[in-house]
Amino acid sequence: MSSVKRLVYAVIHFLREQSQMDTFTPDEQESLEVAIQCLETVFKINLEDTHLAPPQHLIEMFTNSFHKNDMLPLSDSLPEDVEKADQLKDEGNNHMKEENYGAAVDCYTRAIELDPNNAVYYCNRAAAQSKLSNYSEAIKDCERAIAIDPKYSKAYGRMGLALTSVNKYEEAITSYQKALDLDPENDSYKSNLKIAEQKLRDMSSPTGTGLSFDMASLINNPAFISMAASLMQNPQVQQLMSGMMSNAIGGPAAGVGGLSDLSSLIHAGQQFAQQIQQQNPELIEQLRNHVRSRSFSGSTEEHS
């Protein structure tokens, strides 16, 4: 029963940490508290029973167990292979500086083949994969690096970037928090954690639209200019714009029911955005990815 209680204690500790995150709604936090109380009641334990605390965090235990057999091809590398692998890592780092990300992936992969137990090679390859928008591969490489070295803060940070890029904000927040636990003074982790938390709040907001690109990115995009020109040929859009112009100069907003207040203007803008979304969803996704890539700091980070 002792091992079971230790496991439940780890689960309660994890849930307690989650319940204190400001990214959850009050109802969700209350649900977590109920789950904690139920576990404490059934197993007759609480967080004051510190003698039950395991040596590792629950996430670390899960990661180590999950990847122990499936993801870590343990082997004894020859000294000459280790030396060659380190040279390949340096070549990959140079390719990263030159923005030759595909070549960098190739170098790191060859280094891993020679020395598969070096967490740095997986972590560096994750950075290159993210630059190529191969985020799922980047996440896998970060997980491999963490399985080798659970104290490798950079792997948690880079996994946070990749998770944020695929809109997995809750998991990204957990990764950044772990990175900060290991490296509390890292400004990049702090700023990226705030970005992920804000994106999660925006996504949860009933007024959130998900179209969080700035106007400069929009009007400078050739595809948008072409789309706008096409939309302006639409009679409904022409009528809408005519009404907006009439309202701007104090005249009647003929044919559109009057755009005399801010809510009507916002509604008109929403209609315009919806037509863009319907006619060219690829453009919207392109702009999202463009702004998302500009939102994350750490793009000039050094590699190990």
C-alpha atoms as a PDB file:
ATOM      1  CA  MET A   1       0.000   0.000   0.000  1.00  0.00           C
ATOM      2  CA  SER A   2       2.968   2.291   0.618  1.00  0.00           C
ATOM      3  CA  SER A   3       3.889   2.424  -3.082  1.00  0.00           C
ATOM      4  CA  VAL A   4       0.272   3.174  -3.985  1.00  0.00           C
ATOM      5  CA  LYS A   5       0.139   6.037  -1.512  1.00  0.00           C
ATOM      6  CA  ARG A   6       3.389   7.424  -2.901  1.00  0.00           C
ATOM      7  CA  LEU A   7       1.877   7.355  -6.373  1.00  0.00           C
ATOM      8  CA  VAL A   8      -1.335   9.046  -5.220  1.00  0.00           C
ATOM      9  CA  TYR A   9       0.710  11.644  -3.340  1.00  0.00           C
ATOM     10  CA  ALA A  10       2.560  12.464  -6.595  1.00  0.00           C
ATOM     11  CA  VAL A  11      -0.768  12.790  -8.407  1.00  0.00           C
ATOM     12  CA  ILE A  12      -2.187  15.075  -5.707  1.00  0.00           C
ATOM     13  CA  HIS A  13       0.949  17.216  -5.794  1.00  0.00           C
ATOM     14  CA  PHE A  14       0.629  17.528  -9.587  1.00  0.00           C
ATOM     15  CA  LEU A  15      -3.063  18.426  -9.406  1.00  0.00           C
ATOM     16  CA  ARG A  16      -2.378  20.990  -6.690  1.00  0.00           C
ATOM     17  CA  GLU A  17       0.182  22.701  -8.928  1.00  0.00           C
ATOM     18  CA  GLN A  18      -2.296  22.741 -11.797  1.00  0.00           C
ATOM     19  CA  SER A  19      -5.097  24.157  -9.643  1.00  0.00           C
ATOM     20  CA  GLN A  20      -2.946  27.155  -8.762  1.00  0.00           C
ATOM     21  CA  MET A  21      -2.353  28.149 -12.380  1.00  0.00           C
ATOM     22  CA  ASP A  22      -4.206  31.301 -13.417  1.00  0.00           C
ATOM     23  CA  THR A  23      -4.842  29.834 -16.875  1.00  0.00           C
ATOM     24  CA  PHE A  24      -7.743  27.763 -15.530  1.00  0.00           C
ATOM     25  CA  THR A  25     -11.219  29.145 -15.024  1.00  0.00           C
ATOM     26  CA  PRO A  26     -12.652  29.250 -11.479  1.00  0.00           C
ATOM     27  CA  ASP A  27     -14.910  26.293 -12.312  1.00  0.00           C
ATOM     28  CA  GLU A  28     -11.962  24.269 -13.582  1.00  0.00           C
ATOM     29  CA  GLN A  29      -9.913  25.113 -10.502  1.00  0.00           C
ATOM     30  CA  GLU A  30     -12.825  24.053  -8.331  1.00  0.00           C
ATOM     31  CA  SER A  31     -13.042  20.739 -10.190  1.00  0.00           C
ATOM     32  CA  LEU A  32      -9.353  20.115  -9.550  1.00  0.00           C
ATOM     33  CA  GLU A  33      -9.849  20.866  -5.863  1.00  0.00           C
ATOM     34  CA  VAL A  34     -12.716  18.360  -5.725  1.00  0.00           C
ATOM     35  CA  ALA A  35     -10.512  15.716  -7.361  1.00  0.00           C
ATOM     36  CA  ILE A  36      -7.764  16.390  -4.817  1.00  0.00           C
ATOM     37  CA  GLN A  37     -10.188  16.128  -1.901  1.00  0.00           C
ATOM     38  CA  CYS A  38     -11.586  12.850  -3.220  1.00  0.00           C
ATOM     39  CA  LEU A  39      -8.118  11.310  -3.528  1.00  0.00           C
ATOM     40  CA  GLU A  40      -7.126  12.521  -0.071  1.00  0.00           C
ATOM     41  CA  THR A  41     -10.308  11.061   1.425  1.00  0.00           C
ATOM     42  CA  VAL A  42     -10.124   7.688  -0.297  1.00  0.00           C
ATOM     43  CA  PHE A  43      -6.428   7.086   0.340  1.00  0.00           C
ATOM     44  CA  LYS A  44      -6.319   8.941   3.685  1.00  0.00           C
ATOM     45  CA  ILE A  45      -3.359  11.126   2.766  1.00  0.00           C
ATOM     46  CA  ASN A  46      -2.650  14.811   2.140  1.00  0.00           C
ATOM     47  CA  LEU A  47       0.256  16.999   1.088  1.00  0.00           C
ATOM     48  CA  GLU A  48       1.464  17.232   4.678  1.00  0.00           C
ATOM     49  CA  ASP A  49       2.559  13.592   4.429  1.00  0.00           C
ATOM     50  CA  THR A  50       5.881  14.660   2.959  1.00  0.00           C
ATOM     51  CA  HIS A  51       7.475  11.304   3.769  1.00  0.00           C
ATOM     52  CA  LEU A  52       5.474   9.957   0.814  1.00  0.00           C
ATOM     53  CA  ALA A  53       7.011  12.436  -1.629  1.00  0.00           C
ATOM     54  CA  PRO A  54       8.819  10.628  -4.491  1.00  0.00           C
ATOM     55  CA  PRO A  55      12.322  11.729  -5.494  1.00  0.00           C
ATOM     56  CA  GLN A  56      11.088  12.961  -8.883  1.00  0.00           C
ATOM     57  CA  HIS A  57       8.169  15.046 -10.153  1.00  0.00           C
ATOM     58  CA  LEU A  58       5.299  13.026 -11.627  1.00  0.00           C
ATOM     59  CA  ILE A  59       5.975  14.357 -15.147  1.00  0.00           C
ATOM     60  CA  GLU A  60       9.633  13.364 -14.905  1.00  0.00           C
ATOM     61  CA  MET A  61       8.707   9.866 -13.773  1.00  0.00           C
ATOM     62  CA  PHE A  62       6.217   9.515 -16.610  1.00  0.00           C
ATOM     63  CA  THR A  63       8.655  10.810 -19.221  1.00  0.00           C
ATOM     64  CA  ASN A  64      11.465   8.562 -18.050  1.00  0.00           C
ATOM     65  CA  SER A  65       9.224   5.506 -17.985  1.00  0.00           C
ATOM     66  CA  PHE A  66       7.543   6.264 -21.303  1.00  0.00           C
ATOM     67  CA  HIS A  67      10.763   6.696 -23.223  1.00  0.00           C
ATOM     68  CA  LYS A  68      13.028   4.281 -21.411  1.00  0.00           C
ATOM     69  CA  ASN A  69      12.520   1.364 -23.782  1.00  0.00           C
ATOM     70  CA  ASP A  70      10.934   2.931 -26.837  1.00  0.00           C
ATOM     71  CA  MET A  71      13.010   6.010 -27.518  1.00  0.00           C
ATOM     72  CA  LEU A  72      16.514   5.526 -26.143  1.00  0.00           C
ATOM     73  CA  PRO A  73      18.723   3.189 -28.166  1.00  0.00           C
ATOM     74  CA  LEU A  74      21.311   2.798 -25.412  1.00  0.00           C
ATOM     75  CA  SER A  75      24.738   1.792 -26.647  1.00  0.00           C
ATOM     76  CA  ASP A  76      28.399   2.280 -25.840  1.00  0.00           C
ATOM     77  CA  SER A  77      29.885   4.615 -28.428  1.00  0.00           C
ATOM     78  CA  LEU A  78      33.528   4.289 -29.370  1.00  0.00           C
ATOM     79  CA  PRO A  79      35.753   7.262 -28.454  1.00  0.00           C
ATOM     80  CA  GLU A  80      36.340   8.052 -32.113  1.00  0.00           C
ATOM     81  CA  ASP A  81      32.587   8.031 -32.746  1.00  0.00           C
ATOM     82  CA  VAL A  82      32.010  10.434 -29.849  1.00  0.00           C
ATOM     83  CA  GLU A  83      34.653  12.770 -31.246  1.00  0.00           C
ATOM     84  CA  LYS A  84      33.174  12.645 -34.751  1.00  0.00           C
ATOM     85  CA  ALA A  85      29.668  13.209 -33.359  1.00  0.00           C
ATOM     86  CA  ASP A  86      30.856  16.341 -31.553  1.00  0.00           C
ATOM     87  CA  GLN A  87      32.376  17.645 -34.794  1.00  0.00           C
ATOM     88  CA  LEU A  88      29.074  17.046 -36.577  1.00  0.00           C
ATOM     89  CA  LYS A  89      27.266  18.937 -33.813  1.00  0.00           C
ATOM     90  CA  ASP A  90      29.570  21.915 -34.365  1.00  0.00           C
ATOM     91  CA  GLU A  91      28.898  21.732 -38.114  1.00  0.00           C
ATOM     92  CA  GLY A  92      25.181  21.697 -37.394  1.00  0.00           C
ATOM     93  CA  ASN A  93      25.520  24.753 -35.155  1.00  0.00           C
ATOM     94  CA  ASN A  94      27.294  26.607 -37.970  1.00  0.00           C
ATOM     95  CA  HIS A  95      24.493  25.674 -40.366  1.00  0.00           C
ATOM     96  CA  MET A  96      21.971  27.048 -37.859  1.00  0.00           C
ATOM     97  CA  LYS A  97      23.809  30.386 -37.781  1.00  0.00           C
ATOM     98  CA  GLU A  98      23.697  30.459 -41.585  1.00  0.00           C
ATOM     99  CA  GLU A  99      19.982  29.489 -41.530  1.00  0.00           C
ATOM    100  CA  ASN A 100      20.690  26.257 -43.422  1.00  0.00           C
ATOM    101  CA  TYR A 101      18.251  24.355 -41.239  1.00  0.00           C
ATOM    102  CA  GLY A 102      17.929  21.261 -43.423  1.00  0.00           C
ATOM    103  CA  ALA A 103      21.709  20.787 -43.407  1.00  0.00           C
ATOM    104  CA  ALA A 104      21.702  21.307 -39.638  1.00  0.00           C
ATOM    105  CA  VAL A 105      19.133  18.529 -39.180  1.00  0.00           C
ATOM    106  CA  ASP A 106      21.302  16.230 -41.264  1.00  0.00           C
ATOM    107  CA  CYS A 107      24.400  16.970 -39.154  1.00  0.00           C
ATOM    108  CA  TYR A 108      22.597  16.460 -35.854  1.00  0.00           C
ATOM    109  CA  THR A 109      21.041  13.229 -37.126  1.00  0.00           C
ATOM    110  CA  ARG A 110      24.438  11.845 -38.071  1.00  0.00           C
ATOM    111  CA  ALA A 111      25.774  12.877 -34.674  1.00  0.00           C
ATOM    112  CA  ILE A 112      22.911  11.002 -32.982  1.00  0.00           C
ATOM    113  CA  GLU A 113      23.668   7.880 -35.001  1.00  0.00           C
ATOM    114  CA  LEU A 114      27.227   7.951 -33.685  1.00  0.00           C
ATOM    115  CA  ASP A 115      26.350   8.891 -30.098  1.00  0.00           C
ATOM    116  CA  PRO A 116      22.637   8.269 -29.420  1.00  0.00           C
ATOM    117  CA  ASN A 117      22.858   9.020 -25.704  1.00  0.00           C
ATOM    118  CA  ASN A 118      23.776  12.708 -25.942  1.00  0.00           C
ATOM    119  CA  ALA A 119      20.803  14.906 -25.048  1.00  0.00           C
ATOM    120  CA  VAL A 120      22.353  17.975 -26.702  1.00  0.00           C
ATOM    121  CA  TYR A 121      22.147  16.470 -30.185  1.00  0.00           C
ATOM    122  CA  TYR A 122      18.412  15.784 -29.868  1.00  0.00           C
ATOM    123  CA  CYS A 123      17.766  19.230 -28.409  1.00  0.00           C
ATOM    124  CA  ASN A 124      19.722  20.990 -31.161  1.00  0.00           C
ATOM    125  CA  ARG A 125      17.938  18.973 -33.827  1.00  0.00           C
ATOM    126  CA  ALA A 126      14.639  20.008 -32.236  1.00  0.00           C
ATOM    127  CA  ALA A 127      15.615  23.660 -32.739  1.00  0.00           C
ATOM    128  CA  ALA A 128      16.366  23.010 -36.419  1.00  0.00           C
ATOM    129  CA  GLN A 129      13.117  21.081 -36.889  1.00  0.00           C
ATOM    130  CA  SER A 130      11.157  23.975 -35.402  1.00  0.00           C
ATOM    131  CA  LYS A 131      12.789  26.374 -37.861  1.00  0.00           C
ATOM    132  CA  LEU A 132      11.503  24.079 -40.635  1.00  0.00           C
ATOM    133  CA  SER A 133       8.021  24.057 -39.017  1.00  0.00           C
ATOM    134  CA  ASN A 134       8.395  20.334 -38.273  1.00  0.00           C
ATOM    135  CA  TYR A 135       6.965  20.860 -34.812  1.00  0.00           C
ATOM    136  CA  SER A 136       5.890  17.284 -34.095  1.00  0.00           C
ATOM    137  CA  GLU A 137       9.430  16.091 -34.796  1.00  0.00           C
ATOM    138  CA  ALA A 138      10.815  18.874 -32.630  1.00  0.00           C
ATOM    139  CA  ILE A 139       8.594  17.798 -29.734  1.00  0.00           C
ATOM    140  CA  LYS A 140       9.736  14.189 -30.071  1.00  0.00           C
ATOM    141  CA  ASP A 141      13.382  15.236 -30.045  1.00  0.00           C
ATOM    142  CA  CYS A 142      12.849  17.357 -26.932  1.00  0.00           C
ATOM    143  CA  GLU A 143      11.189  14.401 -25.229  1.00  0.00           C
ATOM    144  CA  ARG A 144      14.181  12.214 -26.113  1.00  0.00           C
ATOM    145  CA  ALA A 145      16.575  14.821 -24.736  1.00  0.00           C
ATOM    146  CA  ILE A 146      14.583  15.074 -21.482  1.00  0.00           C
ATOM    147  CA  ALA A 147      14.465  11.289 -21.146  1.00  0.00           C
ATOM    148  CA  ILE A 148      18.275  11.276 -21.292  1.00  0.00           C
ATOM    149  CA  ASP A 149      18.701  14.328 -19.061  1.00  0.00           C
ATOM    150  CA  PRO A 150      15.605  15.314 -17.014  1.00  0.00           C
ATOM    151  CA  LYS A 151      17.444  18.419 -15.764  1.00  0.00           C
ATOM    152  CA  TYR A 152      18.089  19.817 -19.249  1.00  0.00           C
ATOM    153  CA  SER A 153      16.259  23.154 -19.089  1.00  0.00           C
ATOM    154  CA  LYS A 154      16.899  24.057 -22.727  1.00  0.00           C
ATOM    155  CA  ALA A 155      15.020  20.953 -23.875  1.00  0.00           C
ATOM    156  CA  TYR A 156      11.958  22.011 -21.878  1.00  0.00           C
ATOM    157  CA  GLY A 157      12.213  25.529 -23.293  1.00  0.00           C
ATOM    158  CA  ARG A 158      12.433  24.362 -26.889  1.00  0.00           C
ATOM    159  CA  MET A 159       9.587  21.925 -26.359  1.00  0.00           C
ATOM    160  CA  GLY A 160       7.524  24.841 -25.069  1.00  0.00           C
ATOM    161  CA  LEU A 161       8.166  26.740 -28.311  1.00  0.00           C
ATOM    162  CA  ALA A 162       7.146  23.771 -30.456  1.00  0.00           C
ATOM    163  CA  LEU A 163       4.017  23.105 -28.379  1.00  0.00           C
ATOM    164  CA  THR A 164       2.987  26.743 -28.596  1.00  0.00           C
ATOM    165  CA  SER A 165       3.430  26.625 -32.364  1.00  0.00           C
ATOM    166  CA  VAL A 166       0.845  23.824 -32.613  1.00  0.00           C
ATOM    167  CA  ASN A 167      -1.528  25.616 -30.201  1.00  0.00           C
ATOM    168  CA  LYS A 168      -0.948  23.196 -27.303  1.00  0.00           C
ATOM    169  CA  TYR A 169      -0.743  26.049 -24.854  1.00  0.00           C
ATOM    170  CA  GLU A 170      -1.403  24.168 -21.611  1.00  0.00           C
ATOM    171  CA  GLU A 171       1.391  21.697 -22.346  1.00  0.00           C
ATOM    172  CA  ALA A 172       3.649  24.557 -23.418  1.00  0.00           C
ATOM    173  CA  ILE A 173       3.014  26.336 -20.120  1.00  0.00           C
ATOM    174  CA  THR A 174       3.986  23.203 -18.204  1.00  0.00           C
ATOM    175  CA  SER A 175       7.198  22.931 -20.242  1.00  0.00           C
ATOM    176  CA  TYR A 176       8.151  26.561 -19.641  1.00  0.00           C
ATOM    177  CA  GLN A 177       7.428  26.265 -15.942  1.00  0.00           C
ATOM    178  CA  LYS A 178       9.726  23.261 -15.724  1.00  0.00           C
ATOM    179  CA  ALA A 179      12.394  25.129 -17.697  1.00  0.00           C
ATOM    180  CA  LEU A 180      12.145  28.018 -15.226  1.00  0.00           C
ATOM    181  CA  ASP A 181      12.337  25.651 -12.265  1.00  0.00           C
ATOM    182  CA  LEU A 182      15.705  24.543 -13.625  1.00  0.00           C
ATOM    183  CA  ASP A 183      16.835  27.976 -14.868  1.00  0.00           C
ATOM    184  CA  PRO A 184      14.911  30.641 -12.910  1.00  0.00           C
ATOM    185  CA  GLU A 185      16.771  33.639 -14.350  1.00  0.00           C
ATOM    186  CA  ASN A 186      16.212  32.839 -18.023  1.00  0.00           C
ATOM    187  CA  ASP A 187      14.365  35.820 -19.522  1.00  0.00           C
ATOM    188  CA  SER A 188      13.467  33.924 -22.694  1.00  0.00           C
ATOM    189  CA  TYR A 189      11.553  31.281 -20.741  1.00  0.00           C
ATOM    190  CA  LYS A 190       9.773  33.985 -18.740  1.00  0.00           C
ATOM    191  CA  SER A 191       8.628  35.926 -21.799  1.00  0.00           C
ATOM    192  CA  ASN A 192       7.603  32.824 -23.740  1.00  0.00           C
ATOM    193  CA  LEU A 193       5.652  31.550 -20.736  1.00  0.00           C
ATOM    194  CA  LYS A 194       3.709  34.829 -20.666  1.00  0.00           C
ATOM    195  CA  ILE A 195       3.007  34.511 -24.396  1.00  0.00           C
ATOM    196  CA  ALA A 196       1.670  30.968 -23.991  1.00  0.00           C
ATOM    197  CA  GLU A 197      -0.481  31.980 -21.017  1.00  0.00           C
ATOM    198  CA  GLN A 198      -1.896  34.945 -22.942  1.00  0.00           C
ATOM    199  CA  LYS A 199      -2.662  32.785 -25.983  1.00  0.00           C
ATOM    200  CA  LEU A 200      -4.452  30.287 -23.783  1.00  0.00           C
ATOM    201  CA  ARG A 201      -6.528  33.089 -22.264  1.00  0.00           C
ATOM    202  CA  ASP A 202      -7.272  34.492 -25.726  1.00  0.00           C
ATOM    203  CA  MET A 203      -8.339  31.080 -26.964  1.00  0.00           C
ATOM    204  CA  SER A 204     -10.622  30.619 -23.957  1.00  0.00           C
ATOM    205  CA  SER A 205     -12.112  34.107 -24.269  1.00  0.00           C
ATOM    206  CA  PRO A 206     -15.647  34.188 -25.738  1.00  0.00           C
ATOM    207  CA  THR A 207     -14.660  37.270 -27.735  1.00  0.00           C
ATOM    208  CA  GLY A 208     -11.457  35.753 -29.069  1.00  0.00           C
ATOM    209  CA  THR A 209     -11.365  35.456 -32.855  1.00  0.00           C
ATOM    210  CA  GLY A 210      -8.090  33.621 -33.286  1.00  0.00           C
ATOM    211  CA  LEU A 211      -7.071  36.137 -35.968  1.00  0.00           C
ATOM    212  CA  SER A 212      -4.283  37.713 -33.954  1.00  0.00           C
ATOM    213  CA  PHE A 213      -2.158  39.107 -36.785  1.00  0.00           C
ATOM    214  CA  ASP A 214      -1.311  42.808 -36.992  1.00  0.00           C
ATOM    215  CA  MET A 215      -2.511  45.156 -39.718  1.00  0.00           C
ATOM    216  CA  ALA A 216       0.969  45.746 -41.111  1.00  0.00           C
ATOM    217  CA  SER A 217       1.398  42.038 -41.797  1.00  0.00           C
ATOM    218  CA  LEU A 218      -1.993  42.005 -43.471  1.00  0.00           C
ATOM    219  CA  ILE A 219      -1.712  44.933 -45.853  1.00  0.00           C
ATOM    220  CA  ASN A 220       1.838  44.084 -46.915  1.00  0.00           C
ATOM    221  CA  ASN A 221       0.869  40.572 -47.951  1.00  0.00           C
ATOM    222  CA  PRO A 222       0.516  40.290 -51.797  1.00  0.00           C
ATOM    223  CA  ALA A 223      -2.088  37.542 -51.481  1.00  0.00           C
ATOM    224  CA  PHE A 224      -4.208  39.780 -49.275  1.00  0.00           C
ATOM    225  CA  ILE A 225      -3.935  42.684 -51.719  1.00  0.00           C
ATOM    226  CA  SER A 226      -5.132  40.422 -54.525  1.00  0.00           C
ATOM    227  CA  MET A 227      -7.963  39.100 -52.357  1.00  0.00           C
ATOM    228  CA  ALA A 228      -9.016  42.607 -51.351  1.00  0.00           C
ATOM    229  CA  ALA A 229      -9.105  43.709 -54.974  1.00  0.00           C
ATOM    230  CA  SER A 230     -11.317  40.738 -55.800  1.00  0.00           C
ATOM    231  CA  LEU A 231     -13.626  41.382 -52.886  1.00  0.00           C
ATOM    232  CA  MET A 232     -14.055  45.010 -53.900  1.00  0.00           C
ATOM    233  CA  GLN A 233     -15.774  43.776 -57.059  1.00  0.00           C
ATOM    234  CA  ASN A 234     -18.452  42.177 -54.886  1.00  0.00           C
ATOM    235  CA  PRO A 235     -21.630  44.378 -54.865  1.00  0.00           C
ATOM    236  CA  GLN A 236     -22.242  43.691 -51.175  1.00  0.00           C
ATOM    237  CA  VAL A 237     -18.731  44.791 -50.259  1.00  0.00           C
ATOM    238  CA  GLN A 238     -19.086  47.893 -52.457  1.00  0.00           C
ATOM    239  CA  GLN A 239     -22.312  48.755 -50.662  1.00  0.00           C
ATOM    240  CA  LEU A 240     -20.678  48.185 -47.291  1.00  0.00           C
ATOM    241  CA  MET A 241     -17.684  50.392 -48.105  1.00  0.00           C
ATOM    242  CA  SER A 242     -19.959  53.076 -49.518  1.00  0.00           C
ATOM    243  CA  GLY A 243     -21.864  53.193 -46.279  1.00  0.00           C
ATOM    244  CA  MET A 244     -18.673  53.410 -44.247  1.00  0.00           C
ATOM    245  CA  MET A 245     -17.396  56.306 -46.360  1.00  0.00           C
ATOM    246  CA  SER A 246     -20.706  58.137 -46.084  1.00  0.00           C
ATOM    247  CA  ASN A 247     -20.639  57.762 -42.340  1.00  0.00           C
ATOM    248  CA  ALA A 248     -17.036  59.001 -42.165  1.00  0.00           C
ATOM    249  CA  ILE A 249     -17.915  62.337 -43.790  1.00  0.00           C
ATOM    250  CA  GLY A 250     -21.086  62.765 -41.802  1.00  0.00           C
ATOM    251  CA  GLY A 251     -23.449  61.777 -44.581  1.00  0.00           C
ATOM    252  CA  PRO A 252     -26.109  59.088 -44.612  1.00  0.00           C
ATOM    253  CA  ALA A 253     -24.992  55.484 -44.713  1.00  0.00           C
ATOM    254  CA  ALA A 254     -27.328  54.639 -47.536  1.00  0.00           C
ATOM    255  CA  GLY A 255     -28.217  51.051 -48.103  1.00  0.00           C
ATOM    256  CA  VAL A 256     -26.456  49.600 -45.072  1.00  0.00           C
ATOM    257  CA  GLY A 257     -28.770  50.672 -42.317  1.00  0.00           C
ATOM    258  CA  GLY A 258     -26.420  53.327 -40.942  1.00  0.00           C
ATOM    259  CA  LEU A 259     -22.975  52.799 -39.464  1.00  0.00           C
ATOM    260  CA  SER A 260     -23.498  55.383 -36.800  1.00  0.00           C
ATOM    261  CA  ASP A 261     -21.870  53.661 -33.866  1.00  0.00           C
ATOM    262  CA  LEU A 262     -18.803  51.642 -33.040  1.00  0.00           C
ATOM    263  CA  SER A 263     -20.598  48.308 -32.810  1.00  0.00           C
ATOM    264  CA  SER A 264     -21.819  48.646 -36.383  1.00  0.00           C
ATOM    265  CA  LEU A 265     -18.322  49.435 -37.563  1.00  0.00           C
ATOM    266  CA  ILE A 266     -16.964  46.381 -35.766  1.00  0.00           C
ATOM    267  CA  HIS A 267     -19.698  44.269 -37.311  1.00  0.00           C
ATOM    268  CA  ALA A 268     -18.725  45.508 -40.768  1.00  0.00           C
ATOM    269  CA  GLY A 269     -15.123  44.604 -40.117  1.00  0.00           C
ATOM    270  CA  GLN A 270     -16.152  41.129 -38.996  1.00  0.00           C
ATOM    271  CA  GLN A 271     -18.138  40.623 -42.180  1.00  0.00           C
ATOM    272  CA  PHE A 272     -15.131  41.630 -44.224  1.00  0.00           C
ATOM    273  CA  ALA A 273     -12.851  39.220 -42.317  1.00  0.00           C
ATOM    274  CA  GLN A 274     -15.353  36.386 -42.667  1.00  0.00           C
ATOM    275  CA  GLN A 275     -15.421  36.811 -46.450  1.00  0.00           C
ATOM    276  CA  ILE A 276     -11.626  36.622 -46.545  1.00  0.00           C
ATOM    277  CA  GLN A 277     -11.714  33.488 -44.378  1.00  0.00           C
ATOM    278  CA  GLN A 278     -14.281  31.832 -46.641  1.00  0.00           C
ATOM    279  CA  GLN A 279     -12.596  32.680 -49.928  1.00  0.00           C
ATOM    280  CA  ASN A 280      -8.973  32.156 -48.958  1.00  0.00           C
ATOM    281  CA  PRO A 281      -8.490  30.212 -45.681  1.00  0.00           C
ATOM    282  CA  GLU A 282      -4.915  29.432 -46.708  1.00  0.00           C
ATOM    283  CA  LEU A 283      -4.090  33.140 -46.553  1.00  0.00           C
ATOM    284  CA  ILE A 284      -5.445  33.440 -43.031  1.00  0.00           C
ATOM    285  CA  GLU A 285      -3.418  30.428 -41.889  1.00  0.00           C
ATOM    286  CA  GLN A 286      -0.323  31.830 -43.570  1.00  0.00           C
ATOM    287  CA  LEU A 287      -0.705  35.105 -41.705  1.00  0.00           C
ATOM    288  CA  ARG A 288      -1.295  33.301 -38.419  1.00  0.00           C
ATOM    289  CA  ASN A 289       1.882  31.283 -38.867  1.00  0.00           C
ATOM    290  CA  HIS A 290       3.800  34.422 -39.840  1.00  0.00           C
ATOM    291  CA  VAL A 291       2.798  36.293 -36.727  1.00  0.00           C
ATOM    292  CA  ARG A 292       3.179  33.211 -34.537  1.00  0.00           C
ATOM    293  CA  SER A 293       6.773  32.801 -35.680  1.00  0.00           C
ATOM    294  CA  ARG A 294       7.433  36.475 -34.841  1.00  0.00           C
ATOM    295  CA  SER A 295       5.824  36.189 -31.430  1.00  0.00           C
ATOM    296  CA  PHE A 296       8.325  33.819 -29.906  1.00  0.00           C
ATOM    297  CA  SER A 297      11.572  35.087 -28.507  1.00  0.00           C
ATOM    298  CA  GLY A 298      14.694  32.955 -28.414  1.00  0.00           C
ATOM    299  CA  SER A 299      15.140  32.801 -32.186  1.00  0.00           C
ATOM    300  CA  THR A 300      18.728  33.957 -31.835  1.00  0.00           C
ATOM    301  CA  GLU A 301      19.580  31.609 -28.981  1.00  0.00           C
ATOM    302  CA  GLU A 302      22.945  29.923 -28.977  1.00  0.00           C
ATOM    303  CA  HIS A 303      23.201  26.190 -29.426  1.00  0.00           C
ATOM    304  CA  SER A 304      25.049  23.846 -27.134  1.00  0.00           C
END
